[in-house]
Amino acid sequence: MDMNLDISANRKYKDSVFTMLFNDETVLVQMSNTLLGTHYAPNTEVMITTLKNVLTTSKVNDLSFVLDNRLIVLIEHQSTLSENMPYRMLQYIAEIYKRQIEVGSEFDSRRMLLQRPKFIVLYNGTEEMPEDVRIMRLSDMFAEYRPEDKNADDGEIDLELTVKMYNINRGHNENIIRGCATLHGYSIFIDMIRKYQKGAPLGWAIQKAVMECIEQNILRDFLNKHKGEVVNMLLTDMMPPKEKMEREEKAKWIWGIWGEGREVGIKETAKAMKTKGIDVNTIAEITGMTIEQVQQL
């Protein structure tokens, strides 16, 4: 089941390889069991509650779902360490509860039953994370309590939310990650990209890792089915900010050509882009051609 939700925000949201990969009910049950230590059966009922932007249908949060109609799990994938995850999780869970509960029922005399939440962050960035598992609390973000202040309150925390962050980079939390084949495969896949990226173009490194994973039966079905999307998404996500900006400028130039009404075929346009020195990944993404087709021009 899928809940098409919306939440307002001040940033752009997009689908990612991570959200595509884990958009499978059986995989979500398996990942929950390995991360939470639960023992749900593979056929356990799952209701996906991931928030979506109503205008673009792209994801707002990464993953949220209800297990067995009683446990709601929110999982965020991070490549950059952020101390603000507890607050973001608070926003997400409040919006999900709001959409689940019938309007006005919060004013009834009878107590409502809310599904118990679990908040998880899966980190695979390059910044050093000292511990394999980090506990983050909303209370750590509150203003400093100063008991010597004559206007001070009693110092008790009336609102708390706890997030557990796992380092899923290869070589970390292996005993946990191996419990979910998809999560383990994802960890290996990203590690391969970084290994091949050293001294080589990012696009080539991603394609090389995709082919090697397929050959080694790592995420094979997923990569075979979504190969082009995976390459383009990761190329955007992993590209250094400066290169990303240059790529956007090239894209503006290309769409300017179309805006001038030059009626040329896709192949001719792709050839013109290659002549201008635009990389094959950018050409493939904009023209809809495969990387192999662009390379053969």
Protein backbone atom coordinates (compact mmCIF):
# COMPACT_ATOMS: atom_id res chain seq x y z
CA MET A 1 0.00 0.00 0.00
CA ASP A 2 1.17 3.55 -0.68
CA MET A 3 0.18 6.85 0.92
CA ASN A 4 0.68 9.80 -1.44
CA LEU A 5 1.45 12.57 1.03
CA ASP A 6 2.70 16.11 0.72
CA ILE A 7 4.74 18.35 2.97
CA SER A 8 5.90 21.92 2.36
CA ALA A 9 9.61 22.65 2.43
CA ASN A 10 12.26 25.10 1.23
CA ARG A 11 14.46 22.66 -0.68
CA LYS A 12 14.21 20.55 -3.81
CA TYR A 13 13.45 16.89 -3.32
CA LYS A 14 14.12 14.12 -5.77
CA ASP A 15 14.05 10.38 -5.93
CA SER A 16 17.36 8.65 -5.38
CA VAL A 17 18.93 5.28 -6.05
CA PHE A 18 18.44 4.49 -2.36
CA THR A 19 14.69 5.15 -2.36
CA MET A 20 14.25 3.23 -5.62
CA LEU A 21 16.22 0.27 -4.33
CA PHE A 22 14.30 -0.05 -1.07
CA ASN A 23 10.83 0.59 -2.48
CA ASP A 24 9.97 -3.08 -2.01
CA GLU A 25 7.83 -4.43 0.83
CA THR A 26 9.77 -7.68 1.30
CA VAL A 27 13.08 -5.80 1.43
CA LEU A 28 11.66 -3.32 3.95
CA VAL A 29 10.63 -6.16 6.27
CA GLN A 30 14.07 -7.75 6.00
CA MET A 31 15.86 -4.44 6.62
CA SER A 32 13.63 -3.69 9.63
CA ASN A 33 14.41 -7.07 11.15
CA THR A 34 18.16 -6.59 10.83
CA LEU A 35 18.18 -2.96 12.07
CA LEU A 36 15.57 -3.23 14.81
CA GLY A 37 16.16 -6.81 15.93
CA THR A 38 12.55 -7.73 15.15
CA HIS A 39 11.32 -11.02 13.68
CA TYR A 40 8.56 -10.08 11.27
CA ALA A 41 7.66 -12.72 8.68
CA PRO A 42 8.45 -11.96 5.00
CA ASN A 43 4.73 -11.67 4.21
CA THR A 44 4.06 -9.13 6.99
CA GLU A 45 1.70 -6.37 5.89
CA VAL A 46 3.56 -3.20 4.94
CA MET A 47 2.00 0.20 4.29
CA ILE A 48 4.39 2.67 2.69
CA THR A 49 3.94 6.18 4.11
CA THR A 50 6.84 7.98 2.43
CA LEU A 51 5.93 11.64 2.01
CA LYS A 52 5.72 12.96 -1.53
CA ASN A 53 5.71 16.39 -3.10
CA VAL A 54 2.21 16.73 -4.54
CA LEU A 55 3.43 18.72 -7.55
CA THR A 56 6.35 16.55 -8.65
CA THR A 57 5.54 13.21 -6.90
CA SER A 58 9.20 13.10 -5.84
CA LYS A 59 10.12 11.99 -2.34
CA VAL A 60 10.20 14.44 0.58
CA ASN A 61 11.63 12.03 3.12
CA ASP A 62 13.51 8.92 2.06
CA LEU A 63 11.54 6.01 3.52
CA SER A 64 8.69 5.58 5.97
CA PHE A 65 6.41 2.60 6.34
CA VAL A 66 4.14 0.82 8.80
CA LEU A 67 4.80 -2.79 9.79
CA ASP A 68 1.92 -5.01 10.83
CA ASN A 69 -0.27 -1.93 11.37
CA ARG A 70 1.53 -1.09 14.63
CA LEU A 71 5.15 -0.05 14.09
CA ILE A 72 6.01 2.95 11.92
CA VAL A 73 9.62 3.12 10.71
CA LEU A 74 11.29 6.22 9.28
CA ILE A 75 14.65 5.74 7.55
CA GLU A 76 16.81 8.49 6.12
CA HIS A 77 19.87 7.93 3.92
CA GLN A 78 22.66 10.47 4.46
CA SER A 79 25.98 11.04 2.70
CA THR A 80 26.66 14.14 4.83
CA LEU A 81 26.58 14.09 8.62
CA SER A 82 23.79 16.31 9.94
CA GLU A 83 23.07 17.11 13.57
CA ASN A 84 19.56 18.25 12.64
CA MET A 85 18.11 14.83 11.89
CA PRO A 86 16.02 14.63 15.11
CA TYR A 87 14.19 17.82 14.17
CA ARG A 88 13.64 16.66 10.59
CA MET A 89 12.29 13.35 11.84
CA LEU A 90 9.93 15.27 14.13
CA GLN A 91 8.57 17.10 11.11
CA TYR A 92 8.10 13.89 9.14
CA ILE A 93 6.37 11.88 11.86
CA ALA A 94 4.04 14.78 12.71
CA GLU A 95 2.98 15.04 9.08
CA ILE A 96 2.47 11.28 8.76
CA TYR A 97 0.36 11.10 11.91
CA LYS A 98 -1.66 14.07 10.69
CA ARG A 99 -2.47 12.30 7.44
CA GLN A 100 -3.34 9.02 9.14
CA ILE A 101 -5.74 10.39 11.75
CA GLU A 102 -9.27 11.44 10.91
CA VAL A 103 -9.71 15.20 11.12
CA GLY A 104 -11.18 16.24 14.45
CA SER A 105 -10.62 12.91 16.22
CA GLU A 106 -7.88 14.49 18.36
CA PHE A 107 -10.67 16.34 20.21
CA ASP A 108 -12.56 13.17 21.15
CA SER A 109 -12.61 12.13 24.80
CA ARG A 110 -11.33 8.66 23.94
CA ARG A 111 -7.58 8.24 23.68
CA MET A 112 -6.24 7.71 20.17
CA LEU A 113 -3.84 4.86 19.46
CA LEU A 114 -0.71 5.90 17.56
CA GLN A 115 1.67 3.50 15.85
CA ARG A 116 5.00 3.34 17.68
CA PRO A 117 7.75 5.15 15.75
CA LYS A 118 11.34 4.13 15.08
CA PHE A 119 13.82 6.64 13.62
CA ILE A 120 16.90 5.46 11.72
CA VAL A 121 19.61 7.17 9.67
CA LEU A 122 21.86 5.15 7.35
CA TYR A 123 25.10 7.04 6.74
CA ASN A 124 27.55 6.25 3.93
CA GLY A 125 29.42 9.51 3.40
CA THR A 126 33.18 10.01 3.21
CA GLU A 127 33.39 12.17 6.34
CA GLU A 128 34.80 10.22 9.28
CA MET A 129 32.17 8.95 11.71
CA PRO A 130 34.00 7.91 14.92
CA GLU A 131 31.39 5.44 16.11
CA ASP A 132 29.61 2.72 14.13
CA VAL A 133 26.31 3.64 15.77
CA ARG A 134 25.44 7.14 16.99
CA ILE A 135 22.46 8.11 19.12
CA MET A 136 21.03 11.55 18.32
CA ARG A 137 18.40 13.21 20.51
CA LEU A 138 16.08 16.12 19.91
CA SER A 139 16.85 17.38 23.43
CA ASP A 140 20.46 17.96 22.37
CA MET A 141 19.16 20.74 20.13
CA PHE A 142 17.30 22.63 22.85
CA ALA A 143 18.59 25.93 24.20
CA GLU A 144 21.08 25.59 27.03
CA TYR A 145 19.51 25.15 30.45
CA ARG A 146 20.88 27.60 33.02
CA PRO A 147 19.62 26.82 36.53
CA GLU A 148 21.32 29.94 37.92
CA ASP A 149 19.02 32.11 35.82
CA LYS A 150 16.24 33.52 38.04
CA ASN A 151 13.76 32.87 35.21
CA ALA A 152 14.88 29.27 34.74
CA ASP A 153 12.32 26.46 34.58
CA ASP A 154 12.75 23.10 36.27
CA GLY A 155 15.03 21.82 33.47
CA GLU A 156 12.91 18.75 32.70
CA ILE A 157 12.62 17.72 29.05
CA ASP A 158 8.97 17.54 27.98
CA LEU A 159 9.64 16.57 24.36
CA GLU A 160 12.10 13.92 23.20
CA LEU A 161 12.83 12.06 19.97
CA THR A 162 15.71 9.62 19.50
CA VAL A 163 17.39 8.78 16.21
CA LYS A 164 19.82 5.90 15.74
CA MET A 165 22.43 6.51 13.03
CA TYR A 166 24.26 3.52 11.50
CA ASN A 167 27.47 3.81 9.50
CA ILE A 168 26.80 1.53 6.50
CA ASN A 169 30.11 2.13 4.75
CA ARG A 170 31.87 -1.11 3.91
CA GLY A 171 33.77 -2.42 6.91
CA HIS A 172 31.33 -0.93 9.44
CA ASN A 173 28.42 -2.69 11.16
CA GLU A 174 29.00 -5.72 8.94
CA ASN A 175 27.23 -8.04 11.40
CA ILE A 176 24.08 -5.92 11.06
CA ILE A 177 24.25 -5.03 7.38
CA ARG A 178 24.71 -8.64 6.25
CA GLY A 179 21.29 -9.42 7.69
CA CYS A 180 19.72 -7.64 4.71
CA ALA A 181 21.08 -8.72 1.31
CA THR A 182 19.91 -5.53 -0.40
CA LEU A 183 21.48 -3.24 2.20
CA HIS A 184 24.71 -5.23 2.09
CA GLY A 185 24.74 -5.07 -1.71
CA TYR A 186 24.18 -1.32 -1.65
CA SER A 187 27.13 -0.87 0.72
CA ILE A 188 29.37 -2.87 -1.63
CA PHE A 189 28.12 -1.00 -4.70
CA ILE A 190 28.91 2.47 -3.28
CA ASP A 191 32.30 1.22 -2.07
CA MET A 192 33.11 0.01 -5.60
CA ILE A 193 32.24 3.40 -7.10
CA ARG A 194 34.58 5.18 -4.70
CA LYS A 195 37.33 2.68 -5.37
CA TYR A 196 37.13 3.19 -9.15
CA GLN A 197 36.65 6.95 -8.83
CA LYS A 198 40.20 7.46 -7.55
CA GLY A 199 42.00 9.09 -10.48
CA ALA A 200 39.15 8.40 -12.93
CA PRO A 201 36.01 10.24 -14.13
CA LEU A 202 32.97 9.77 -11.89
CA GLY A 203 30.75 8.63 -14.76
CA TRP A 204 33.18 5.89 -15.73
CA ALA A 205 33.52 4.77 -12.10
CA ILE A 206 29.75 4.44 -11.70
CA GLN A 207 29.37 2.48 -14.94
CA LYS A 208 32.30 0.22 -14.04
CA ALA A 209 30.78 -0.50 -10.60
CA VAL A 210 27.37 -1.22 -12.14
CA MET A 211 28.82 -3.77 -14.57
CA GLU A 212 30.98 -5.43 -11.90
CA CYS A 213 28.05 -5.74 -9.49
CA ILE A 214 25.93 -7.33 -12.22
CA GLU A 215 28.72 -9.79 -13.00
CA GLN A 216 29.07 -10.66 -9.29
CA ASN A 217 25.30 -10.99 -8.78
CA ILE A 218 25.18 -7.97 -6.47
CA LEU A 219 21.86 -6.13 -6.89
CA ARG A 220 21.79 -7.74 -10.34
CA ASP A 221 18.04 -7.56 -11.06
CA PHE A 222 17.75 -3.98 -9.87
CA LEU A 223 20.80 -2.75 -11.80
CA ASN A 224 19.80 -4.56 -14.98
CA LYS A 225 16.35 -2.98 -14.84
CA HIS A 226 17.40 0.56 -13.83
CA LYS A 227 20.94 0.84 -15.16
CA GLY A 228 20.48 4.16 -16.96
CA GLU A 229 18.57 5.79 -14.10
CA VAL A 230 21.12 4.60 -11.55
CA VAL A 231 24.04 6.07 -13.49
CA ASN A 232 22.34 9.43 -14.01
CA MET A 233 21.09 9.74 -10.43
CA LEU A 234 24.43 8.86 -8.87
CA LEU A 235 26.28 11.10 -11.28
CA THR A 236 24.20 14.02 -10.00
CA ASP A 237 24.29 13.02 -6.32
CA MET A 238 28.03 12.29 -6.12
CA MET A 239 29.31 15.07 -8.37
CA PRO A 240 31.38 17.79 -6.63
CA PRO A 241 29.49 21.10 -6.30
CA LYS A 242 31.73 22.94 -8.78
CA GLU A 243 31.27 20.32 -11.49
CA LYS A 244 27.54 20.19 -10.80
CA MET A 245 27.31 23.94 -11.35
CA GLU A 246 29.26 23.71 -14.62
CA ARG A 247 26.98 20.90 -15.74
CA GLU A 248 23.89 22.98 -15.04
CA GLU A 249 25.35 25.82 -17.08
CA LYS A 250 25.94 23.45 -19.99
CA ALA A 251 22.36 22.23 -19.69
CA LYS A 252 21.10 25.83 -19.91
CA TRP A 253 23.14 26.30 -23.09
CA ILE A 254 21.74 23.12 -24.60
CA TRP A 255 18.14 23.97 -23.82
CA GLY A 256 18.81 27.40 -25.27
CA ILE A 257 19.44 25.73 -28.59
CA TRP A 258 16.06 24.02 -28.40
CA GLY A 259 14.42 27.29 -27.37
CA GLU A 260 15.70 28.97 -30.53
CA GLY A 261 13.68 26.49 -32.49
CA ARG A 262 16.46 24.62 -34.24
CA GLU A 263 14.73 21.54 -35.54
CA VAL A 264 17.53 19.00 -35.59
CA GLY A 265 17.40 15.32 -34.77
CA ILE A 266 18.43 13.92 -31.41
CA LYS A 267 21.54 12.31 -32.88
CA GLU A 268 22.61 15.54 -34.56
CA THR A 269 22.08 17.42 -31.31
CA ALA A 270 24.10 14.81 -29.41
CA LYS A 271 26.91 15.11 -31.97
CA ALA A 272 26.93 18.88 -31.54
CA MET A 273 27.19 18.46 -27.78
CA LYS A 274 30.14 16.08 -28.15
CA THR A 275 31.84 18.61 -30.43
CA LYS A 276 31.45 21.20 -27.66
CA GLY A 277 33.18 18.84 -25.24
CA ILE A 278 30.13 17.99 -23.12
CA ASP A 279 30.55 14.67 -21.31
CA VAL A 280 28.60 11.63 -22.49
CA ASN A 281 26.66 11.25 -19.24
CA THR A 282 25.22 14.76 -19.54
CA ILE A 283 24.36 14.16 -23.20
CA ALA A 284 22.63 10.89 -22.38
CA GLU A 285 20.62 12.43 -19.55
CA ILE A 286 19.36 15.36 -21.66
CA THR A 287 18.72 13.61 -24.98
CA GLY A 288 17.30 10.39 -23.58
CA MET A 289 19.92 8.32 -25.42
CA THR A 290 21.88 5.61 -23.65
CA ILE A 291 25.50 6.22 -22.76
CA GLU A 292 26.50 3.44 -25.17
CA GLN A 293 24.62 5.15 -28.03
CA VAL A 294 26.32 8.47 -27.32
CA GLN A 295 29.75 6.83 -27.17
CA GLN A 296 29.16 5.26 -30.60
CA LEU A 297 28.44 8.59 -32.29
